[in-house]
Amino acid sequence: MTPEQRLEELGIELPSAPAPVASYVRTIRQGDCIYVSGQLPLKSGELVAVGKVGDAVSLENGAEAARQCAINAISALKAEVGELSRITRIIRVTGFVASDPSFTSQPQVVNGASDLFVSVFGEIGRHTRSAVGVASLPLDAPVEVEVIAGI
């Protein structure tokens, strides 16, 4: 089954690849890797959640926001390579979680992205990862996810 078929099976329609919100490019292909800039949890141009996880945003809603970040990253990858079956590995995922100072479950939030990569790409979707708590993110987003993929 192709990644596109898995997306369809999951009921996910990829949006147009998100445009950068500042002075950077969406993706860079260097050698056999594609580096995807940090993706916010935007859906139809709006953040799916706003605020810090552990305060205004629950862990569950944070994980859903991380999943949306992953959808946007997959969209950026598709825009770069055309067919997602050209991806040979999701190598690295870095998740930044805007966190209330007492919140320490960043890994569970970023699982929202990690689990989607495995659902879409199968075993090659398993990756190395960091899940980092931060004071704030652009647009008051609760999560931002960046990806390195092999082609």
N, C-alpha and C. Protein backbone atom coordinates (compact mmCIF):
# COMPACT_ATOMS: atom_id res chain seq x y z
N MET A 1 0.85 -1.18 0.00
CA MET A 1 0.00 0.00 0.00
C MET A 1 0.90 1.25 0.00
N THR A 2 0.59 2.22 -0.83
CA THR A 2 1.39 3.44 -0.92
C THR A 2 1.02 4.39 0.23
N PRO A 3 1.90 5.33 0.52
CA PRO A 3 1.54 6.33 1.54
C PRO A 3 0.26 7.09 1.18
N GLU A 4 0.08 7.39 -0.10
CA GLU A 4 -1.14 8.08 -0.51
C GLU A 4 -2.38 7.24 -0.22
N GLN A 5 -2.29 5.93 -0.44
CA GLN A 5 -3.41 5.04 -0.15
C GLN A 5 -3.67 4.97 1.36
N ARG A 6 -2.59 4.96 2.14
CA ARG A 6 -2.76 4.95 3.60
C ARG A 6 -3.43 6.24 4.07
N LEU A 7 -3.02 7.37 3.48
CA LEU A 7 -3.67 8.64 3.83
C LEU A 7 -5.16 8.58 3.54
N GLU A 8 -5.50 8.05 2.36
CA GLU A 8 -6.91 7.93 1.99
C GLU A 8 -7.65 7.02 2.96
N GLU A 9 -7.02 5.90 3.33
CA GLU A 9 -7.62 4.96 4.27
C GLU A 9 -7.85 5.62 5.64
N LEU A 10 -6.95 6.53 6.01
CA LEU A 10 -7.07 7.25 7.28
C LEU A 10 -8.05 8.42 7.19
N GLY A 11 -8.55 8.70 5.98
CA GLY A 11 -9.48 9.80 5.80
C GLY A 11 -8.80 11.16 5.80
N ILE A 12 -7.51 11.18 5.44
CA ILE A 12 -6.75 12.43 5.44
C ILE A 12 -6.56 12.92 4.02
N GLU A 13 -7.04 14.12 3.75
CA GLU A 13 -6.79 14.77 2.48
C GLU A 13 -5.71 15.83 2.73
N LEU A 14 -4.58 15.66 2.04
CA LEU A 14 -3.49 16.61 2.26
C LEU A 14 -3.87 18.00 1.77
N PRO A 15 -3.59 19.01 2.57
CA PRO A 15 -3.81 20.38 2.11
C PRO A 15 -2.71 20.78 1.13
N SER A 16 -2.87 21.92 0.50
CA SER A 16 -1.76 22.47 -0.27
C SER A 16 -0.61 22.69 0.69
N ALA A 17 0.60 22.49 0.20
CA ALA A 17 1.76 22.67 1.07
C ALA A 17 1.75 24.07 1.66
N PRO A 18 1.89 24.16 2.98
CA PRO A 18 1.83 25.48 3.63
C PRO A 18 2.96 26.40 3.17
N ALA A 19 2.63 27.65 2.96
CA ALA A 19 3.65 28.65 2.61
C ALA A 19 4.39 29.06 3.88
N PRO A 20 5.66 29.37 3.77
CA PRO A 20 6.40 29.87 4.94
C PRO A 20 5.74 31.13 5.50
N VAL A 21 5.79 31.27 6.84
CA VAL A 21 5.20 32.45 7.48
C VAL A 21 6.24 33.51 7.80
N ALA A 22 7.50 33.29 7.38
CA ALA A 22 8.58 34.26 7.63
C ALA A 22 9.63 34.09 6.53
N SER A 23 10.84 34.51 6.78
CA SER A 23 11.91 34.52 5.78
C SER A 23 12.70 33.21 5.78
N TYR A 24 12.12 32.17 5.17
CA TYR A 24 12.77 30.86 5.04
C TYR A 24 12.07 30.11 3.91
N VAL A 25 12.61 28.96 3.54
CA VAL A 25 11.97 28.12 2.53
C VAL A 25 11.32 26.92 3.21
N ARG A 26 10.32 26.38 2.56
CA ARG A 26 9.54 25.27 3.12
C ARG A 26 10.38 24.00 3.22
N THR A 27 11.12 23.67 2.18
CA THR A 27 11.95 22.46 2.16
C THR A 27 13.26 22.74 1.45
N ILE A 28 14.27 21.95 1.80
CA ILE A 28 15.55 21.95 1.08
C ILE A 28 15.93 20.50 0.86
N ARG A 29 16.27 20.19 -0.38
CA ARG A 29 16.79 18.87 -0.71
C ARG A 29 18.30 18.98 -0.78
N GLN A 30 18.98 18.19 0.05
CA GLN A 30 20.44 18.17 0.06
C GLN A 30 20.85 16.70 0.01
N GLY A 31 21.50 16.31 -1.08
CA GLY A 31 21.87 14.91 -1.24
C GLY A 31 20.63 14.04 -1.24
N ASP A 32 20.62 13.03 -0.39
CA ASP A 32 19.47 12.13 -0.34
C ASP A 32 18.54 12.42 0.84
N CYS A 33 18.57 13.68 1.29
CA CYS A 33 17.70 14.10 2.40
C CYS A 33 16.87 15.32 2.02
N ILE A 34 15.68 15.37 2.59
CA ILE A 34 14.83 16.56 2.49
C ILE A 34 14.63 17.07 3.90
N TYR A 35 14.92 18.34 4.08
CA TYR A 35 14.74 19.01 5.37
C TYR A 35 13.47 19.85 5.26
N VAL A 36 12.52 19.57 6.13
CA VAL A 36 11.26 20.30 6.14
C VAL A 36 11.29 21.29 7.30
N SER A 37 11.10 22.57 6.97
CA SER A 37 11.04 23.60 8.01
C SER A 37 9.92 23.30 8.99
N GLY A 38 10.03 23.88 10.18
CA GLY A 38 9.02 23.66 11.21
C GLY A 38 7.63 23.98 10.71
N GLN A 39 6.71 23.05 10.97
CA GLN A 39 5.32 23.19 10.55
C GLN A 39 4.45 23.45 11.77
N LEU A 40 3.59 24.43 11.65
CA LEU A 40 2.62 24.76 12.70
C LEU A 40 1.34 23.95 12.47
N PRO A 41 0.48 23.85 13.47
CA PRO A 41 -0.76 23.10 13.32
C PRO A 41 -1.86 23.92 12.63
N LEU A 42 -1.57 24.30 11.41
CA LEU A 42 -2.54 25.08 10.62
C LEU A 42 -3.44 24.15 9.82
N LYS A 43 -4.73 24.46 9.83
CA LYS A 43 -5.70 23.74 9.02
C LYS A 43 -6.62 24.79 8.41
N SER A 44 -6.70 24.82 7.11
CA SER A 44 -7.48 25.84 6.39
C SER A 44 -7.06 27.24 6.80
N GLY A 45 -5.76 27.42 7.03
CA GLY A 45 -5.21 28.73 7.35
C GLY A 45 -5.36 29.17 8.79
N GLU A 46 -5.94 28.32 9.65
CA GLU A 46 -6.15 28.67 11.05
C GLU A 46 -5.45 27.65 11.95
N LEU A 47 -4.93 28.11 13.08
CA LEU A 47 -4.37 27.18 14.05
C LEU A 47 -5.48 26.30 14.63
N VAL A 48 -5.21 25.00 14.79
CA VAL A 48 -6.23 24.11 15.37
C VAL A 48 -6.32 24.27 16.89
N ALA A 49 -5.31 24.89 17.48
CA ALA A 49 -5.31 25.18 18.92
C ALA A 49 -4.37 26.36 19.15
N VAL A 50 -4.59 27.08 20.24
CA VAL A 50 -3.78 28.25 20.57
C VAL A 50 -3.45 28.19 22.05
N GLY A 51 -2.21 28.50 22.38
CA GLY A 51 -1.81 28.59 23.78
C GLY A 51 -0.83 27.51 24.18
N LYS A 52 -0.57 27.45 25.47
CA LYS A 52 0.41 26.51 26.01
C LYS A 52 -0.25 25.20 26.41
N VAL A 53 0.46 24.10 26.13
CA VAL A 53 -0.02 22.79 26.55
C VAL A 53 0.18 22.69 28.06
N GLY A 54 -0.82 22.18 28.74
CA GLY A 54 -0.80 22.12 30.20
C GLY A 54 -1.49 23.31 30.83
N ASP A 55 -1.91 24.26 29.99
CA ASP A 55 -2.65 25.43 30.46
C ASP A 55 -3.90 25.54 29.60
N ALA A 56 -3.86 26.34 28.53
CA ALA A 56 -5.03 26.53 27.66
C ALA A 56 -5.29 25.33 26.76
N VAL A 57 -4.28 24.49 26.55
CA VAL A 57 -4.38 23.35 25.64
C VAL A 57 -4.12 22.06 26.43
N SER A 58 -5.02 21.09 26.31
CA SER A 58 -4.84 19.81 26.99
C SER A 58 -3.79 18.97 26.28
N LEU A 59 -3.29 17.97 26.96
CA LEU A 59 -2.34 17.05 26.34
C LEU A 59 -2.95 16.43 25.08
N GLU A 60 -4.20 16.02 25.15
CA GLU A 60 -4.87 15.40 24.01
C GLU A 60 -4.98 16.36 22.84
N ASN A 61 -5.38 17.61 23.11
CA ASN A 61 -5.47 18.60 22.03
C ASN A 61 -4.10 18.96 21.50
N GLY A 62 -3.08 18.94 22.36
CA GLY A 62 -1.71 19.16 21.91
C GLY A 62 -1.26 18.06 20.96
N ALA A 63 -1.59 16.81 21.29
CA ALA A 63 -1.24 15.68 20.42
C ALA A 63 -1.96 15.80 19.07
N GLU A 64 -3.21 16.24 19.10
CA GLU A 64 -3.95 16.44 17.85
C GLU A 64 -3.31 17.57 17.03
N ALA A 65 -2.84 18.61 17.70
CA ALA A 65 -2.14 19.69 17.00
C ALA A 65 -0.84 19.18 16.39
N ALA A 66 -0.11 18.32 17.11
CA ALA A 66 1.12 17.74 16.57
C ALA A 66 0.80 16.88 15.35
N ARG A 67 -0.31 16.17 15.38
CA ARG A 67 -0.74 15.37 14.22
C ARG A 67 -0.97 16.29 13.02
N GLN A 68 -1.60 17.44 13.25
CA GLN A 68 -1.83 18.38 12.15
C GLN A 68 -0.51 18.91 11.61
N CYS A 69 0.46 19.16 12.49
CA CYS A 69 1.80 19.56 12.05
C CYS A 69 2.38 18.50 11.12
N ALA A 70 2.21 17.22 11.48
CA ALA A 70 2.72 16.13 10.66
C ALA A 70 2.03 16.08 9.31
N ILE A 71 0.72 16.30 9.29
CA ILE A 71 -0.01 16.35 8.02
C ILE A 71 0.58 17.44 7.13
N ASN A 72 0.86 18.60 7.71
CA ASN A 72 1.44 19.70 6.93
C ASN A 72 2.85 19.37 6.46
N ALA A 73 3.61 18.66 7.30
CA ALA A 73 4.97 18.25 6.88
C ALA A 73 4.89 17.25 5.74
N ILE A 74 3.95 16.31 5.80
CA ILE A 74 3.77 15.35 4.71
C ILE A 74 3.38 16.07 3.44
N SER A 75 2.53 17.08 3.56
CA SER A 75 2.15 17.89 2.40
C SER A 75 3.37 18.58 1.79
N ALA A 76 4.24 19.11 2.64
CA ALA A 76 5.47 19.75 2.16
C ALA A 76 6.38 18.73 1.47
N LEU A 77 6.48 17.53 2.03
CA LEU A 77 7.28 16.47 1.40
C LEU A 77 6.71 16.11 0.03
N LYS A 78 5.40 15.96 -0.04
CA LYS A 78 4.76 15.61 -1.32
C LYS A 78 5.01 16.69 -2.36
N ALA A 79 4.94 17.96 -1.95
CA ALA A 79 5.20 19.05 -2.89
C ALA A 79 6.64 18.99 -3.41
N GLU A 80 7.55 18.51 -2.59
CA GLU A 80 8.97 18.42 -2.98
C GLU A 80 9.25 17.22 -3.88
N VAL A 81 8.65 16.05 -3.58
CA VAL A 81 9.01 14.82 -4.30
C VAL A 81 7.95 14.31 -5.25
N GLY A 82 6.74 14.83 -5.20
CA GLY A 82 5.67 14.36 -6.08
C GLY A 82 4.95 13.15 -5.50
N GLU A 83 5.56 12.00 -5.52
CA GLU A 83 4.97 10.77 -4.97
C GLU A 83 5.62 10.44 -3.64
N LEU A 84 4.81 10.25 -2.61
CA LEU A 84 5.35 9.97 -1.28
C LEU A 84 6.09 8.64 -1.21
N SER A 85 5.85 7.75 -2.16
CA SER A 85 6.57 6.47 -2.17
C SER A 85 8.06 6.68 -2.48
N ARG A 86 8.45 7.87 -2.89
CA ARG A 86 9.87 8.18 -3.10
C ARG A 86 10.60 8.38 -1.76
N ILE A 87 9.84 8.58 -0.69
CA ILE A 87 10.44 8.72 0.64
C ILE A 87 10.92 7.34 1.08
N THR A 88 12.20 7.25 1.45
CA THR A 88 12.77 5.97 1.88
C THR A 88 12.82 5.84 3.40
N ARG A 89 12.71 6.97 4.09
CA ARG A 89 12.76 6.94 5.55
C ARG A 89 12.37 8.29 6.11
N ILE A 90 11.60 8.29 7.17
CA ILE A 90 11.47 9.48 8.01
C ILE A 90 12.61 9.34 9.01
N ILE A 91 13.62 10.19 8.88
CA ILE A 91 14.85 10.04 9.64
C ILE A 91 14.74 10.67 11.03
N ARG A 92 14.25 11.89 11.05
CA ARG A 92 14.27 12.66 12.30
C ARG A 92 13.04 13.54 12.40
N VAL A 93 12.45 13.57 13.58
CA VAL A 93 11.35 14.48 13.89
C VAL A 93 11.75 15.26 15.13
N THR A 94 11.60 16.56 15.07
CA THR A 94 11.82 17.40 16.24
C THR A 94 10.51 18.12 16.52
N GLY A 95 10.01 17.95 17.74
CA GLY A 95 8.77 18.60 18.14
C GLY A 95 9.04 19.61 19.23
N PHE A 96 8.53 20.79 19.02
CA PHE A 96 8.63 21.88 20.01
C PHE A 96 7.23 22.08 20.59
N VAL A 97 7.13 22.02 21.90
CA VAL A 97 5.84 22.13 22.57
C VAL A 97 5.85 23.36 23.47
N ALA A 98 5.01 24.34 23.15
CA ALA A 98 4.85 25.51 24.03
C ALA A 98 4.16 25.00 25.28
N SER A 99 4.87 25.06 26.40
CA SER A 99 4.43 24.36 27.61
C SER A 99 4.26 25.28 28.80
N ASP A 100 3.23 25.00 29.58
CA ASP A 100 3.11 25.59 30.90
C ASP A 100 4.36 25.14 31.68
N PRO A 101 4.91 25.99 32.55
CA PRO A 101 6.15 25.62 33.26
C PRO A 101 6.08 24.29 34.01
N SER A 102 4.91 23.86 34.44
CA SER A 102 4.81 22.61 35.18
C SER A 102 4.54 21.40 34.29
N PHE A 103 4.36 21.61 32.99
CA PHE A 103 4.03 20.52 32.07
C PHE A 103 5.30 19.77 31.66
N THR A 104 5.29 18.44 31.79
CA THR A 104 6.48 17.64 31.46
C THR A 104 6.18 16.45 30.55
N SER A 105 5.06 16.47 29.87
CA SER A 105 4.68 15.34 29.00
C SER A 105 4.85 15.68 27.52
N GLN A 106 5.88 16.43 27.19
CA GLN A 106 6.13 16.79 25.79
C GLN A 106 6.21 15.56 24.88
N PRO A 107 6.86 14.44 25.31
CA PRO A 107 6.91 13.29 24.42
C PRO A 107 5.53 12.76 24.03
N GLN A 108 4.58 12.78 24.94
CA GLN A 108 3.24 12.30 24.62
C GLN A 108 2.54 13.23 23.63
N VAL A 109 2.82 14.51 23.70
CA VAL A 109 2.26 15.45 22.73
C VAL A 109 2.82 15.15 21.35
N VAL A 110 4.13 15.02 21.24
CA VAL A 110 4.77 14.82 19.94
C VAL A 110 4.44 13.44 19.37
N ASN A 111 3.98 12.51 20.22
CA ASN A 111 3.50 11.22 19.69
C ASN A 111 2.40 11.41 18.66
N GLY A 112 1.64 12.49 18.76
CA GLY A 112 0.61 12.77 17.77
C GLY A 112 1.18 12.84 16.36
N ALA A 113 2.38 13.41 16.23
CA ALA A 113 3.07 13.46 14.93
C ALA A 113 3.72 12.13 14.61
N SER A 114 4.47 11.59 15.58
CA SER A 114 5.21 10.34 15.34
C SER A 114 4.29 9.21 14.93
N ASP A 115 3.17 9.07 15.62
CA ASP A 115 2.24 7.98 15.31
C ASP A 115 1.68 8.13 13.90
N LEU A 116 1.45 9.36 13.46
CA LEU A 116 0.93 9.55 12.10
C LEU A 116 1.98 9.16 11.06
N PHE A 117 3.24 9.52 11.28
CA PHE A 117 4.28 9.13 10.32
C PHE A 117 4.34 7.61 10.17
N VAL A 118 4.20 6.88 11.26
CA VAL A 118 4.21 5.42 11.20
C VAL A 118 2.95 4.91 10.50
N SER A 119 1.81 5.50 10.77
CA SER A 119 0.57 5.09 10.11
C SER A 119 0.62 5.29 8.61
N VAL A 120 1.26 6.38 8.18
CA VAL A 120 1.30 6.70 6.75
C VAL A 120 2.43 5.97 6.03
N PHE A 121 3.60 5.88 6.65
CA PHE A 121 4.77 5.33 5.96
C PHE A 121 5.13 3.91 6.41
N GLY A 122 4.43 3.37 7.40
CA GLY A 122 4.78 2.04 7.88
C GLY A 122 6.11 2.06 8.62
N GLU A 123 6.84 0.99 8.52
CA GLU A 123 8.10 0.85 9.27
C GLU A 123 9.10 1.95 8.94
N ILE A 124 9.12 2.44 7.70
CA ILE A 124 10.07 3.52 7.36
C ILE A 124 9.66 4.86 7.97
N GLY A 125 8.49 4.89 8.58
CA GLY A 125 8.05 6.09 9.28
C GLY A 125 8.61 6.20 10.69
N ARG A 126 9.22 5.11 11.20
CA ARG A 126 9.85 5.15 12.53
C ARG A 126 11.11 6.00 12.44
N HIS A 127 11.36 6.82 13.44
CA HIS A 127 12.38 7.85 13.31
C HIS A 127 13.04 8.15 14.65
N THR A 128 14.15 8.88 14.59
CA THR A 128 14.72 9.44 15.80
C THR A 128 13.94 10.71 16.11
N ARG A 129 14.03 11.17 17.38
CA ARG A 129 13.16 12.28 17.73
C ARG A 129 13.63 13.01 18.97
N SER A 130 13.30 14.28 19.02
CA SER A 130 13.38 15.08 20.24
C SER A 130 12.02 15.73 20.44
N ALA A 131 11.63 15.86 21.70
CA ALA A 131 10.39 16.55 22.08
C ALA A 131 10.80 17.57 23.14
N VAL A 132 10.75 18.84 22.78
CA VAL A 132 11.32 19.90 23.59
C VAL A 132 10.25 20.87 24.05
N GLY A 133 10.22 21.17 25.33
CA GLY A 133 9.33 22.19 25.86
C GLY A 133 9.94 23.56 25.66
N VAL A 134 9.14 24.51 25.19
CA VAL A 134 9.60 25.87 24.95
C VAL A 134 8.60 26.86 25.56
N ALA A 135 9.06 28.10 25.75
CA ALA A 135 8.22 29.13 26.37
C ALA A 135 7.08 29.58 25.46
N SER A 136 7.36 29.72 24.16
CA SER A 136 6.32 30.15 23.23
C SER A 136 6.74 29.77 21.81
N LEU A 137 5.76 29.78 20.92
CA LEU A 137 5.98 29.47 19.50
C LEU A 137 5.29 30.53 18.65
N PRO A 138 5.65 30.62 17.36
CA PRO A 138 5.02 31.60 16.49
C PRO A 138 3.49 31.50 16.50
N LEU A 139 2.85 32.64 16.45
CA LEU A 139 1.39 32.77 16.39
C LEU A 139 0.69 32.20 17.63
N ASP A 140 1.42 31.94 18.70
CA ASP A 140 0.91 31.32 19.92
C ASP A 140 0.47 29.89 19.68
N ALA A 141 1.13 29.23 18.71
CA ALA A 141 0.84 27.81 18.43
C ALA A 141 1.32 26.96 19.61
N PRO A 142 0.62 25.86 19.88
CA PRO A 142 1.05 24.99 20.98
C PRO A 142 2.17 24.03 20.58
N VAL A 143 2.32 23.78 19.28
CA VAL A 143 3.29 22.79 18.81
C VAL A 143 3.86 23.22 17.46
N GLU A 144 5.12 22.86 17.23
CA GLU A 144 5.75 23.01 15.91
C GLU A 144 6.58 21.76 15.68
N VAL A 145 6.54 21.24 14.46
CA VAL A 145 7.25 19.99 14.14
C VAL A 145 8.09 20.19 12.89
N GLU A 146 9.37 19.78 12.98
CA GLU A 146 10.22 19.76 11.79
C GLU A 146 10.66 18.34 11.51
N VAL A 147 10.99 18.07 10.24
CA VAL A 147 11.23 16.70 9.79
C VAL A 147 12.43 16.66 8.86
N ILE A 148 13.18 15.55 8.95
CA ILE A 148 14.19 15.22 7.96
C ILE A 148 13.78 13.87 7.39
N ALA A 149 13.69 13.79 6.07
CA ALA A 149 13.29 12.55 5.41
C ALA A 149 14.33 12.15 4.37
N GLY A 150 14.49 10.86 4.19
CA GLY A 150 15.39 10.34 3.17
C GLY A 150 14.63 10.06 1.88
N ILE A 151 15.32 10.25 0.75
CA ILE A 151 14.75 9.93 -0.56
C ILE A 151 15.71 9.06 -1.34
